[in-house]
């Protein structure tokens, strides 16, 4: 059985760098099996592109058997599913770095 928060978690994600999309969740949120919505870590090394949803396409090509292209509308019409998974940031070994870059170890 998963433990889910019954109330909104006090606090917010902690900003860890000058990048606008580099944040960590508050330690209080670690008590839950499922991270509350909006408190998972966020790390983006690039800007978020502005796209026109009417013309944007996802192309799957390269070493694939069948290259394909999907519009945003086609992707949204596909069935969705939910599952509990573990996400791990590639920076989780940073406690061994010198000097320590800060944030939650």
Foldseek 3Di string as FASTA:
>chain_A
DWDDDPDDDPDAWDAQDPDPFFTAADPVQVVTLDRPPRRHGTDDPDDDDDDDLVPDKDWDDDPDPDTDIDRNVRVVPDDDDDDDDDDDDPCPVQVPDPPRSDDDD
